[in-house]
Amino acid sequence: MQPFDLFITHLSWGEDGKYRPVLVYVVDTDEVGIYQITTQFGNKSEHIRAKYFEIKDWAEAGLDRLSYVDTGTLIDIPMAQLDGKTPIGKLTEADKQRFLDFLPY
């Protein structure tokens, strides 16, 4: 597992949750920092859309359609949640550079 790999994993909040694609950003010993990936963009507020990074090479990254990385919150999950899973893809070098330029930090 490396930064910029994409996985499908279960994310939960309260009693709800669902499987969704995520972008690995930070790989640590016990935890992984991920961003959620979404296809929903047009129905979001301008404030939220400003935090969404468009994955231009979405098919090459292993996604089914145009998708966005929600950079609003970096989520820490246990390493075990992704350990042993196969990534669905990886950001292309062009998207990786655009993503790094997009982040405010």
PDB file of N, CA and C in Angstrom:
ATOM      1  N   MET A   1       0.839  -1.171   0.000  1.00  0.00           N
ATOM      2  CA  MET A   1       0.000   0.000   0.000  1.00  0.00           C
ATOM      3  C   MET A   1       0.887   1.237   0.000  1.00  0.00           C
ATOM      4  N   GLN A   2       0.551   2.172  -0.900  1.00  0.00           N
ATOM      5  CA  GLN A   2       1.344   3.387  -1.038  1.00  0.00           C
ATOM      6  C   GLN A   2       0.424   4.599  -1.161  1.00  0.00           C
ATOM      7  N   PRO A   3       0.946   5.782  -0.860  1.00  0.00           N
ATOM      8  CA  PRO A   3       0.153   6.978  -1.099  1.00  0.00           C
ATOM      9  C   PRO A   3      -0.292   7.048  -2.558  1.00  0.00           C
ATOM     10  N   PHE A   4      -1.512   7.522  -2.754  1.00  0.00           N
ATOM     11  CA  PHE A   4      -2.160   7.715  -4.050  1.00  0.00           C
ATOM     12  C   PHE A   4      -2.752   6.434  -4.622  1.00  0.00           C
ATOM     13  N   ASP A   5      -2.712   5.321  -3.860  1.00  0.00           N
ATOM     14  CA  ASP A   5      -3.467   4.121  -4.222  1.00  0.00           C
ATOM     15  C   ASP A   5      -4.939   4.374  -3.936  1.00  0.00           C
ATOM     16  N   LEU A   6      -5.811   3.748  -4.708  1.00  0.00           N
ATOM     17  CA  LEU A   6      -7.246   3.828  -4.482  1.00  0.00           C
ATOM     18  C   LEU A   6      -7.758   2.460  -4.065  1.00  0.00           C
ATOM     19  N   PHE A   7      -8.619   2.446  -3.051  1.00  0.00           N
ATOM     20  CA  PHE A   7      -9.208   1.220  -2.534  1.00  0.00           C
ATOM     21  C   PHE A   7     -10.713   1.411  -2.394  1.00  0.00           C
ATOM     22  N   ILE A   8     -11.418   0.306  -2.295  1.00  0.00           N
ATOM     23  CA  ILE A   8     -12.808   0.312  -1.872  1.00  0.00           C
ATOM     24  C   ILE A   8     -12.800  -0.205  -0.436  1.00  0.00           C
ATOM     25  N   THR A   9     -13.413   0.551   0.475  1.00  0.00           N
ATOM     26  CA  THR A   9     -13.464   0.115   1.860  1.00  0.00           C
ATOM     27  C   THR A   9     -14.763   0.581   2.505  1.00  0.00           C
ATOM     28  N   HIS A  10     -15.097  -0.036   3.602  1.00  0.00           N
ATOM     29  CA  HIS A  10     -16.308   0.336   4.333  1.00  0.00           C
ATOM     30  C   HIS A  10     -16.000   1.483   5.277  1.00  0.00           C
ATOM     31  N   LEU A  11     -16.770   2.547   5.156  1.00  0.00           N
ATOM     32  CA  LEU A  11     -16.659   3.679   6.071  1.00  0.00           C
ATOM     33  C   LEU A  11     -17.965   3.785   6.825  1.00  0.00           C
ATOM     34  N   SER A  12     -17.875   3.994   8.117  1.00  0.00           N
ATOM     35  CA  SER A  12     -19.097   4.071   8.922  1.00  0.00           C
ATOM     36  C   SER A  12     -19.125   5.368   9.702  1.00  0.00           C
ATOM     37  N   TRP A  13     -20.329   5.787   9.991  1.00  0.00           N
ATOM     38  CA  TRP A  13     -20.562   6.965  10.820  1.00  0.00           C
ATOM     39  C   TRP A  13     -21.795   6.656  11.650  1.00  0.00           C
ATOM     40  N   GLY A  14     -21.610   6.650  12.943  1.00  0.00           N
ATOM     41  CA  GLY A  14     -22.715   6.257  13.824  1.00  0.00           C
ATOM     42  C   GLY A  14     -23.124   4.821  13.546  1.00  0.00           C
ATOM     43  N   GLU A  15     -24.403   4.611  13.303  1.00  0.00           N
ATOM     44  CA  GLU A  15     -24.897   3.265  12.998  1.00  0.00           C
ATOM     45  C   GLU A  15     -24.960   3.000  11.503  1.00  0.00           C
ATOM     46  N   ASP A  16     -24.663   4.008  10.688  1.00  0.00           N
ATOM     47  CA  ASP A  16     -24.724   3.865   9.234  1.00  0.00           C
ATOM     48  C   ASP A  16     -23.321   3.737   8.660  1.00  0.00           C
ATOM     49  N   GLY A  17     -23.262   3.398   7.389  1.00  0.00           N
ATOM     50  CA  GLY A  17     -22.004   3.312   6.684  1.00  0.00           C
ATOM     51  C   GLY A  17     -22.210   2.686   5.329  1.00  0.00           C
ATOM     52  N   LYS A  18     -21.176   2.749   4.509  1.00  0.00           N
ATOM     53  CA  LYS A  18     -21.256   2.104   3.199  1.00  0.00           C
ATOM     54  C   LYS A  18     -19.854   1.918   2.638  1.00  0.00           C
ATOM     55  N   TYR A  19     -19.776   1.072   1.615  1.00  0.00           N
ATOM     56  CA  TYR A  19     -18.526   0.871   0.911  1.00  0.00           C
ATOM     57  C   TYR A  19     -18.351   1.998  -0.099  1.00  0.00           C
ATOM     58  N   ARG A  20     -17.150   2.532  -0.135  1.00  0.00           N
ATOM     59  CA  ARG A  20     -16.896   3.610  -1.079  1.00  0.00           C
ATOM     60  C   ARG A  20     -15.414   3.640  -1.450  1.00  0.00           C
ATOM     61  N   PRO A  21     -15.102   4.257  -2.580  1.00  0.00           N
ATOM     62  CA  PRO A  21     -13.693   4.393  -2.946  1.00  0.00           C
ATOM     63  C   PRO A  21     -13.019   5.459  -2.090  1.00  0.00           C
ATOM     64  N   VAL A  22     -11.755   5.221  -1.807  1.00  0.00           N
ATOM     65  CA  VAL A  22     -10.958   6.167  -1.025  1.00  0.00           C
ATOM     66  C   VAL A  22      -9.572   6.297  -1.644  1.00  0.00           C
ATOM     67  N   LEU A  23      -8.949   7.434  -1.394  1.00  0.00           N
ATOM     68  CA  LEU A  23      -7.588   7.699  -1.832  1.00  0.00           C
ATOM     69  C   LEU A  23      -6.680   7.640  -0.615  1.00  0.00           C
ATOM     70  N   VAL A  24      -5.674   6.802  -0.656  1.00  0.00           N
ATOM     71  CA  VAL A  24      -4.680   6.739   0.423  1.00  0.00           C
ATOM     72  C   VAL A  24      -3.749   7.927   0.260  1.00  0.00           C
ATOM     73  N   TYR A  25      -3.588   8.687   1.344  1.00  0.00           N
ATOM     74  CA  TYR A  25      -2.703   9.849   1.298  1.00  0.00           C
ATOM     75  C   TYR A  25      -1.504   9.688   2.232  1.00  0.00           C
ATOM     76  N   VAL A  26      -1.728   9.147   3.427  1.00  0.00           N
ATOM     77  CA  VAL A  26      -0.656   8.965   4.411  1.00  0.00           C
ATOM     78  C   VAL A  26      -0.660   7.511   4.861  1.00  0.00           C
ATOM     79  N   VAL A  27       0.499   6.874   4.813  1.00  0.00           N
ATOM     80  CA  VAL A  27       0.636   5.512   5.310  1.00  0.00           C
ATOM     81  C   VAL A  27       1.558   5.558   6.515  1.00  0.00           C
ATOM     82  N   ASP A  28       1.026   5.149   7.667  1.00  0.00           N
ATOM     83  CA  ASP A  28       1.787   5.150   8.910  1.00  0.00           C
ATOM     84  C   ASP A  28       1.858   3.705   9.402  1.00  0.00           C
ATOM     85  N   THR A  29       2.471   3.484  10.524  1.00  0.00           N
ATOM     86  CA  THR A  29       2.637   2.134  11.054  1.00  0.00           C
ATOM     87  C   THR A  29       1.311   1.454  11.365  1.00  0.00           C
ATOM     88  N   ASP A  30       0.438   2.144  12.078  1.00  0.00           N
ATOM     89  CA  ASP A  30      -0.826   1.546  12.510  1.00  0.00           C
ATOM     90  C   ASP A  30      -2.053   2.122  11.827  1.00  0.00           C
ATOM     91  N   GLU A  31      -1.903   3.289  11.187  1.00  0.00           N
ATOM     92  CA  GLU A  31      -3.045   3.962  10.584  1.00  0.00           C
ATOM     93  C   GLU A  31      -2.749   4.389   9.155  1.00  0.00           C
ATOM     94  N   VAL A  32      -3.837   4.650   8.441  1.00  0.00           N
ATOM     95  CA  VAL A  32      -3.754   5.153   7.076  1.00  0.00           C
ATOM     96  C   VAL A  32      -4.629   6.396   7.006  1.00  0.00           C
ATOM     97  N   GLY A  33      -4.096   7.479   6.443  1.00  0.00           N
ATOM     98  CA  GLY A  33      -4.880   8.692   6.238  1.00  0.00           C
ATOM     99  C   GLY A  33      -5.493   8.642   4.850  1.00  0.00           C
ATOM    100  N   ILE A  34      -6.820   8.714   4.778  1.00  0.00           N
ATOM    101  CA  ILE A  34      -7.520   8.588   3.506  1.00  0.00           C
ATOM    102  C   ILE A  34      -8.435   9.784   3.263  1.00  0.00           C
ATOM    103  N   TYR A  35      -8.734  10.009   1.992  1.00  0.00           N
ATOM    104  CA  TYR A  35      -9.769  10.945   1.583  1.00  0.00           C
ATOM    105  C   TYR A  35     -10.849  10.148   0.870  1.00  0.00           C
ATOM    106  N   GLN A  36     -12.100  10.508   1.095  1.00  0.00           N
ATOM    107  CA  GLN A  36     -13.208   9.859   0.407  1.00  0.00           C
ATOM    108  C   GLN A  36     -13.264  10.337  -1.046  1.00  0.00           C
ATOM    109  N   ILE A  37     -13.754   9.465  -1.902  1.00  0.00           N
ATOM    110  CA  ILE A  37     -13.961   9.796  -3.306  1.00  0.00           C
ATOM    111  C   ILE A  37     -15.456   9.751  -3.574  1.00  0.00           C
ATOM    112  N   THR A  38     -15.935  10.729  -4.338  1.00  0.00           N
ATOM    113  CA  THR A  38     -17.359  10.823  -4.634  1.00  0.00           C
ATOM    114  C   THR A  38     -17.586  11.173  -6.102  1.00  0.00           C
ATOM    115  N   THR A  39     -18.764  10.855  -6.586  1.00  0.00           N
ATOM    116  CA  THR A  39     -19.160  11.287  -7.929  1.00  0.00           C
ATOM    117  C   THR A  39     -20.095  12.487  -7.840  1.00  0.00           C
ATOM    118  N   GLN A  40     -20.565  12.787  -6.636  1.00  0.00           N
ATOM    119  CA  GLN A  40     -21.513  13.892  -6.437  1.00  0.00           C
ATOM    120  C   GLN A  40     -20.761  15.218  -6.400  1.00  0.00           C
ATOM    121  N   PHE A  41     -21.103  16.105  -7.295  1.00  0.00           N
ATOM    122  CA  PHE A  41     -20.428  17.396  -7.355  1.00  0.00           C
ATOM    123  C   PHE A  41     -21.418  18.537  -7.605  1.00  0.00           C
ATOM    124  N   GLY A  42     -22.211  18.414  -8.648  1.00  0.00           N
ATOM    125  CA  GLY A  42     -23.085  19.494  -9.085  1.00  0.00           C
ATOM    126  C   GLY A  42     -24.100  19.938  -8.056  1.00  0.00           C
ATOM    127  N   ASN A  43     -24.531  19.021  -7.194  1.00  0.00           N
ATOM    128  CA  ASN A  43     -25.556  19.357  -6.210  1.00  0.00           C
ATOM    129  C   ASN A  43     -24.960  19.869  -4.892  1.00  0.00           C
ATOM    130  N   LYS A  44     -23.654  20.071  -4.845  1.00  0.00           N
ATOM    131  CA  LYS A  44     -22.996  20.558  -3.630  1.00  0.00           C
ATOM    132  C   LYS A  44     -22.885  22.086  -3.661  1.00  0.00           C
ATOM    133  N   SER A  45     -22.733  22.682  -2.500  1.00  0.00           N
ATOM    134  CA  SER A  45     -22.571  24.136  -2.423  1.00  0.00           C
ATOM    135  C   SER A  45     -21.204  24.529  -2.987  1.00  0.00           C
ATOM    136  N   GLU A  46     -21.076  25.791  -3.338  1.00  0.00           N
ATOM    137  CA  GLU A  46     -19.809  26.290  -3.861  1.00  0.00           C
ATOM    138  C   GLU A  46     -18.685  26.103  -2.837  1.00  0.00           C
ATOM    139  N   HIS A  47     -19.010  26.286  -1.571  1.00  0.00           N
ATOM    140  CA  HIS A  47     -18.032  26.117  -0.493  1.00  0.00           C
ATOM    141  C   HIS A  47     -17.488  24.684  -0.469  1.00  0.00           C
ATOM    142  N   ILE A  48     -18.365  23.711  -0.602  1.00  0.00           N
ATOM    143  CA  ILE A  48     -17.944  22.302  -0.594  1.00  0.00           C
ATOM    144  C   ILE A  48     -17.225  21.946  -1.889  1.00  0.00           C
ATOM    145  N   ARG A  49     -17.737  22.394  -3.026  1.00  0.00           N
ATOM    146  CA  ARG A  49     -17.098  22.090  -4.320  1.00  0.00           C
ATOM    147  C   ARG A  49     -15.665  22.598  -4.378  1.00  0.00           C
ATOM    148  N   ALA A  50     -15.382  23.675  -3.652  1.00  0.00           N
ATOM    149  CA  ALA A  50     -14.019  24.226  -3.642  1.00  0.00           C
ATOM    150  C   ALA A  50     -13.024  23.259  -3.023  1.00  0.00           C
ATOM    151  N   LYS A  51     -13.508  22.295  -2.234  1.00  0.00           N
ATOM    152  CA  LYS A  51     -12.637  21.307  -1.583  1.00  0.00           C
ATOM    153  C   LYS A  51     -12.590  19.991  -2.349  1.00  0.00           C
ATOM    154  N   TYR A  52     -13.280  19.911  -3.476  1.00  0.00           N
ATOM    155  CA  TYR A  52     -13.331  18.680  -4.269  1.00  0.00           C
ATOM    156  C   TYR A  52     -12.318  18.748  -5.402  1.00  0.00           C
ATOM    157  N   PHE A  53     -11.429  17.778  -5.431  1.00  0.00           N
ATOM    158  CA  PHE A  53     -10.418  17.674  -6.482  1.00  0.00           C
ATOM    159  C   PHE A  53     -10.928  16.743  -7.576  1.00  0.00           C
ATOM    160  N   GLU A  54     -10.973  17.218  -8.809  1.00  0.00           N
ATOM    161  CA  GLU A  54     -11.438  16.398  -9.931  1.00  0.00           C
ATOM    162  C   GLU A  54     -10.341  15.437 -10.384  1.00  0.00           C
ATOM    163  N   ILE A  55     -10.665  14.159 -10.432  1.00  0.00           N
ATOM    164  CA  ILE A  55      -9.743  13.152 -10.957  1.00  0.00           C
ATOM    165  C   ILE A  55      -9.969  13.095 -12.464  1.00  0.00           C
ATOM    166  N   LYS A  56      -9.105  13.728 -13.217  1.00  0.00           N
ATOM    167  CA  LYS A  56      -9.270  13.793 -14.678  1.00  0.00           C
ATOM    168  C   LYS A  56      -9.068  12.421 -15.317  1.00  0.00           C
ATOM    169  N   ASP A  57      -8.079  11.680 -14.845  1.00  0.00           N
ATOM    170  CA  ASP A  57      -7.772  10.358 -15.405  1.00  0.00           C
ATOM    171  C   ASP A  57      -8.476   9.278 -14.587  1.00  0.00           C
ATOM    172  N   TRP A  58      -9.781   9.423 -14.404  1.00  0.00           N
ATOM    173  CA  TRP A  58     -10.552   8.544 -13.528  1.00  0.00           C
ATOM    174  C   TRP A  58     -10.553   7.094 -14.006  1.00  0.00           C
ATOM    175  N   ALA A  59     -10.628   6.852 -15.295  1.00  0.00           N
ATOM    176  CA  ALA A  59     -10.639   5.466 -15.784  1.00  0.00           C
ATOM    177  C   ALA A  59      -9.299   4.789 -15.526  1.00  0.00           C
ATOM    178  N   GLU A  60      -8.213   5.519 -15.758  1.00  0.00           N
ATOM    179  CA  GLU A  60      -6.876   4.970 -15.512  1.00  0.00           C
ATOM    180  C   GLU A  60      -6.652   4.707 -14.028  1.00  0.00           C
ATOM    181  N   ALA A  61      -7.385   5.428 -13.171  1.00  0.00           N
ATOM    182  CA  ALA A  61      -7.263   5.259 -11.712  1.00  0.00           C
ATOM    183  C   ALA A  61      -8.114   4.104 -11.207  1.00  0.00           C
ATOM    184  N   GLY A  62      -8.875   3.449 -12.096  1.00  0.00           N
ATOM    185  CA  GLY A  62      -9.682   2.301 -11.690  1.00  0.00           C
ATOM    186  C   GLY A  62     -11.107   2.647 -11.301  1.00  0.00           C
ATOM    187  N   LEU A  63     -11.551   3.855 -11.636  1.00  0.00           N
ATOM    188  CA  LEU A  63     -12.904   4.282 -11.287  1.00  0.00           C
ATOM    189  C   LEU A  63     -13.842   4.112 -12.483  1.00  0.00           C
ATOM    190  N   ASP A  64     -15.137   4.010 -12.212  1.00  0.00           N
ATOM    191  CA  ASP A  64     -16.134   3.775 -13.253  1.00  0.00           C
ATOM    192  C   ASP A  64     -16.599   5.039 -13.956  1.00  0.00           C
ATOM    193  N   ARG A  65     -16.442   6.179 -13.294  1.00  0.00           N
ATOM    194  CA  ARG A  65     -16.905   7.434 -13.888  1.00  0.00           C
ATOM    195  C   ARG A  65     -16.190   8.615 -13.240  1.00  0.00           C
ATOM    196  N   LEU A  66     -16.435   9.789 -13.810  1.00  0.00           N
ATOM    197  CA  LEU A  66     -15.811  11.001 -13.291  1.00  0.00           C
ATOM    198  C   LEU A  66     -16.030  11.082 -11.787  1.00  0.00           C
ATOM    199  N   SER A  67     -14.939  11.291 -11.047  1.00  0.00           N
ATOM    200  CA  SER A  67     -14.998  11.300  -9.590  1.00  0.00           C
ATOM    201  C   SER A  67     -14.153  12.430  -9.031  1.00  0.00           C
ATOM    202  N   TYR A  68     -14.415  12.717  -7.759  1.00  0.00           N
ATOM    203  CA  TYR A  68     -13.752  13.810  -7.063  1.00  0.00           C
ATOM    204  C   TYR A  68     -13.243  13.322  -5.710  1.00  0.00           C
ATOM    205  N   VAL A  69     -12.078  13.828  -5.314  1.00  0.00           N
ATOM    206  CA  VAL A  69     -11.544  13.556  -3.980  1.00  0.00           C
ATOM    207  C   VAL A  69     -12.040  14.665  -3.066  1.00  0.00           C
ATOM    208  N   ASP A  70     -12.706  14.286  -2.001  1.00  0.00           N
ATOM    209  CA  ASP A  70     -13.194  15.243  -1.008  1.00  0.00           C
ATOM    210  C   ASP A  70     -12.053  15.520  -0.033  1.00  0.00           C
ATOM    211  N   THR A  71     -11.389  16.651  -0.212  1.00  0.00           N
ATOM    212  CA  THR A  71     -10.230  16.981   0.621  1.00  0.00           C
ATOM    213  C   THR A  71     -10.629  17.729   1.893  1.00  0.00           C
ATOM    214  N   GLY A  72     -11.919  17.791   2.169  1.00  0.00           N
ATOM    215  CA  GLY A  72     -12.391  18.500   3.354  1.00  0.00           C
ATOM    216  C   GLY A  72     -11.943  17.876   4.653  1.00  0.00           C
ATOM    217  N   THR A  73     -11.830  16.549   4.684  1.00  0.00           N
ATOM    218  CA  THR A  73     -11.449  15.858   5.911  1.00  0.00           C
ATOM    219  C   THR A  73     -10.536  14.672   5.594  1.00  0.00           C
ATOM    220  N   LEU A  74      -9.366  14.659   6.205  1.00  0.00           N
ATOM    221  CA  LEU A  74      -8.480  13.500   6.129  1.00  0.00           C
ATOM    222  C   LEU A  74      -8.914  12.553   7.237  1.00  0.00           C
ATOM    223  N   ILE A  75      -9.287  11.347   6.877  1.00  0.00           N
ATOM    224  CA  ILE A  75      -9.815  10.366   7.822  1.00  0.00           C
ATOM    225  C   ILE A  75      -8.731   9.347   8.144  1.00  0.00           C
ATOM    226  N   ASP A  76      -8.509   9.097   9.415  1.00  0.00           N
ATOM    227  CA  ASP A  76      -7.569   8.058   9.834  1.00  0.00           C
ATOM    228  C   ASP A  76      -8.341   6.771  10.078  1.00  0.00           C
ATOM    229  N   ILE A  77      -7.883   5.703   9.431  1.00  0.00           N
ATOM    230  CA  ILE A  77      -8.478   4.387   9.640  1.00  0.00           C
ATOM    231  C   ILE A  77      -7.365   3.413  10.029  1.00  0.00           C
ATOM    232  N   PRO A  78      -7.714   2.316  10.682  1.00  0.00           N
ATOM    233  CA  PRO A  78      -6.683   1.335  11.042  1.00  0.00           C
ATOM    234  C   PRO A  78      -6.048   0.714   9.796  1.00  0.00           C
ATOM    235  N   MET A  79      -4.760   0.517   9.832  1.00  0.00           N
ATOM    236  CA  MET A  79      -4.035  -0.119   8.726  1.00  0.00           C
ATOM    237  C   MET A  79      -4.677  -1.453   8.364  1.00  0.00           C
ATOM    238  N   ALA A  80      -5.152  -2.184   9.368  1.00  0.00           N
ATOM    239  CA  ALA A  80      -5.747  -3.506   9.141  1.00  0.00           C
ATOM    240  C   ALA A  80      -6.969  -3.455   8.232  1.00  0.00           C
ATOM    241  N   GLN A  81      -7.628  -2.300   8.157  1.00  0.00           N
ATOM    242  CA  GLN A  81      -8.819  -2.176   7.318  1.00  0.00           C
ATOM    243  C   GLN A  81      -8.497  -2.306   5.833  1.00  0.00           C
ATOM    244  N   LEU A  82      -7.270  -1.963   5.429  1.00  0.00           N
ATOM    245  CA  LEU A  82      -6.870  -2.069   4.033  1.00  0.00           C
ATOM    246  C   LEU A  82      -5.821  -3.143   3.794  1.00  0.00           C
ATOM    247  N   ASP A  83      -5.168  -3.604   4.856  1.00  0.00           N
ATOM    248  CA  ASP A  83      -4.133  -4.629   4.722  1.00  0.00           C
ATOM    249  C   ASP A  83      -4.685  -5.863   4.017  1.00  0.00           C
ATOM    250  N   GLY A  84      -3.948  -6.335   3.045  1.00  0.00           N
ATOM    251  CA  GLY A  84      -4.343  -7.545   2.338  1.00  0.00           C
ATOM    252  C   GLY A  84      -5.309  -7.302   1.194  1.00  0.00           C
ATOM    253  N   LYS A  85      -5.853  -6.108   1.091  1.00  0.00           N
ATOM    254  CA  LYS A  85      -6.745  -5.779  -0.025  1.00  0.00           C
ATOM    255  C   LYS A  85      -5.921  -5.317  -1.217  1.00  0.00           C
ATOM    256  N   THR A  86      -6.461  -5.536  -2.392  1.00  0.00           N
ATOM    257  CA  THR A  86      -5.810  -5.097  -3.613  1.00  0.00           C
ATOM    258  C   THR A  86      -6.362  -3.735  -4.012  1.00  0.00           C
ATOM    259  N   PRO A  87      -5.492  -2.772  -4.314  1.00  0.00           N
ATOM    260  CA  PRO A  87      -5.990  -1.470  -4.752  1.00  0.00           C
ATOM    261  C   PRO A  87      -6.760  -1.608  -6.068  1.00  0.00           C
ATOM    262  N   ILE A  88      -7.763  -0.745  -6.263  1.00  0.00           N
ATOM    263  CA  ILE A  88      -8.489  -0.747  -7.538  1.00  0.00           C
ATOM    264  C   ILE A  88      -7.714   0.045  -8.581  1.00  0.00           C
ATOM    265  N   GLY A  89      -6.766   0.847  -8.129  1.00  0.00           N
ATOM    266  CA  GLY A  89      -5.967   1.653  -9.042  1.00  0.00           C
ATOM    267  C   GLY A  89      -5.099   2.633  -8.283  1.00  0.00           C
ATOM    268  N   LYS A  90      -4.617   3.617  -9.024  1.00  0.00           N
ATOM    269  CA  LYS A  90      -3.700   4.604  -8.467  1.00  0.00           C
ATOM    270  C   LYS A  90      -3.859   5.879  -9.292  1.00  0.00           C
ATOM    271  N   LEU A  91      -3.687   7.038  -8.656  1.00  0.00           N
ATOM    272  CA  LEU A  91      -3.713   8.273  -9.434  1.00  0.00           C
ATOM    273  C   LEU A  91      -2.579   8.256 -10.456  1.00  0.00           C
ATOM    274  N   THR A  92      -2.838   8.776 -11.645  1.00  0.00           N
ATOM    275  CA  THR A  92      -1.774   8.919 -12.635  1.00  0.00           C
ATOM    276  C   THR A  92      -0.791   9.976 -12.131  1.00  0.00           C
ATOM    277  N   GLU A  93       0.380  10.018 -12.714  1.00  0.00           N
ATOM    278  CA  GLU A  93       1.375  11.016 -12.302  1.00  0.00           C
ATOM    279  C   GLU A  93       0.841  12.433 -12.518  1.00  0.00           C
ATOM    280  N   ALA A  94       0.112  12.646 -13.614  1.00  0.00           N
ATOM    281  CA  ALA A  94      -0.448  13.977 -13.882  1.00  0.00           C
ATOM    282  C   ALA A  94      -1.459  14.363 -12.804  1.00  0.00           C
ATOM    283  N   ASP A  95      -2.379  13.454 -12.463  1.00  0.00           N
ATOM    284  CA  ASP A  95      -3.358  13.745 -11.417  1.00  0.00           C
ATOM    285  C   ASP A  95      -2.689  13.869 -10.056  1.00  0.00           C
ATOM    286  N   LYS A  96      -1.671  13.072  -9.807  1.00  0.00           N
ATOM    287  CA  LYS A  96      -0.950  13.158  -8.531  1.00  0.00           C
ATOM    288  C   LYS A  96      -0.353  14.545  -8.362  1.00  0.00           C
ATOM    289  N   GLN A  97       0.296  15.069  -9.387  1.00  0.00           N
ATOM    290  CA  GLN A  97       0.904  16.401  -9.296  1.00  0.00           C
ATOM    291  C   GLN A  97      -0.162  17.476  -9.148  1.00  0.00           C
ATOM    292  N   ARG A  98      -1.249  17.353  -9.903  1.00  0.00           N
ATOM    293  CA  ARG A  98      -2.350  18.310  -9.786  1.00  0.00           C
ATOM    294  C   ARG A  98      -2.941  18.287  -8.375  1.00  0.00           C
ATOM    295  N   PHE A  99      -3.058  17.072  -7.798  1.00  0.00           N
ATOM    296  CA  PHE A  99      -3.605  16.925  -6.450  1.00  0.00           C
ATOM    297  C   PHE A  99      -2.707  17.616  -5.426  1.00  0.00           C
ATOM    298  N   LEU A 100      -1.415  17.392  -5.526  1.00  0.00           N
ATOM    299  CA  LEU A 100      -0.477  18.021  -4.589  1.00  0.00           C
ATOM    300  C   LEU A 100      -0.513  19.552  -4.725  1.00  0.00           C
ATOM    301  N   ASP A 101      -0.688  20.055  -5.943  1.00  0.00           N
ATOM    302  CA  ASP A 101      -0.796  21.499  -6.154  1.00  0.00           C
ATOM    303  C   ASP A 101      -2.132  22.029  -5.621  1.00  0.00           C
ATOM    304  N   PHE A 102      -3.170  21.190  -5.630  1.00  0.00           N
ATOM    305  CA  PHE A 102      -4.507  21.577  -5.206  1.00  0.00           C
ATOM    306  C   PHE A 102      -4.588  21.751  -3.685  1.00  0.00           C
ATOM    307  N   LEU A 103      -3.901  20.890  -2.962  1.00  0.00           N
ATOM    308  CA  LEU A 103      -3.969  20.941  -1.499  1.00  0.00           C
ATOM    309  C   LEU A 103      -3.388  22.261  -0.984  1.00  0.00           C
ATOM    310  N   PRO A 104      -4.038  22.836   0.024  1.00  0.00           N
ATOM    311  CA  PRO A 104      -3.558  24.113   0.541  1.00  0.00           C
ATOM    312  C   PRO A 104      -2.334  23.995   1.440  1.00  0.00           C
ATOM    313  N   TYR A 105      -1.887  22.783   1.731  1.00  0.00           N
ATOM    314  CA  TYR A 105      -0.758  22.615   2.659  1.00  0.00           C
ATOM    315  C   TYR A 105       0.232  21.643   2.102  1.00  0.00           C
TER     316      TYR A 105
END
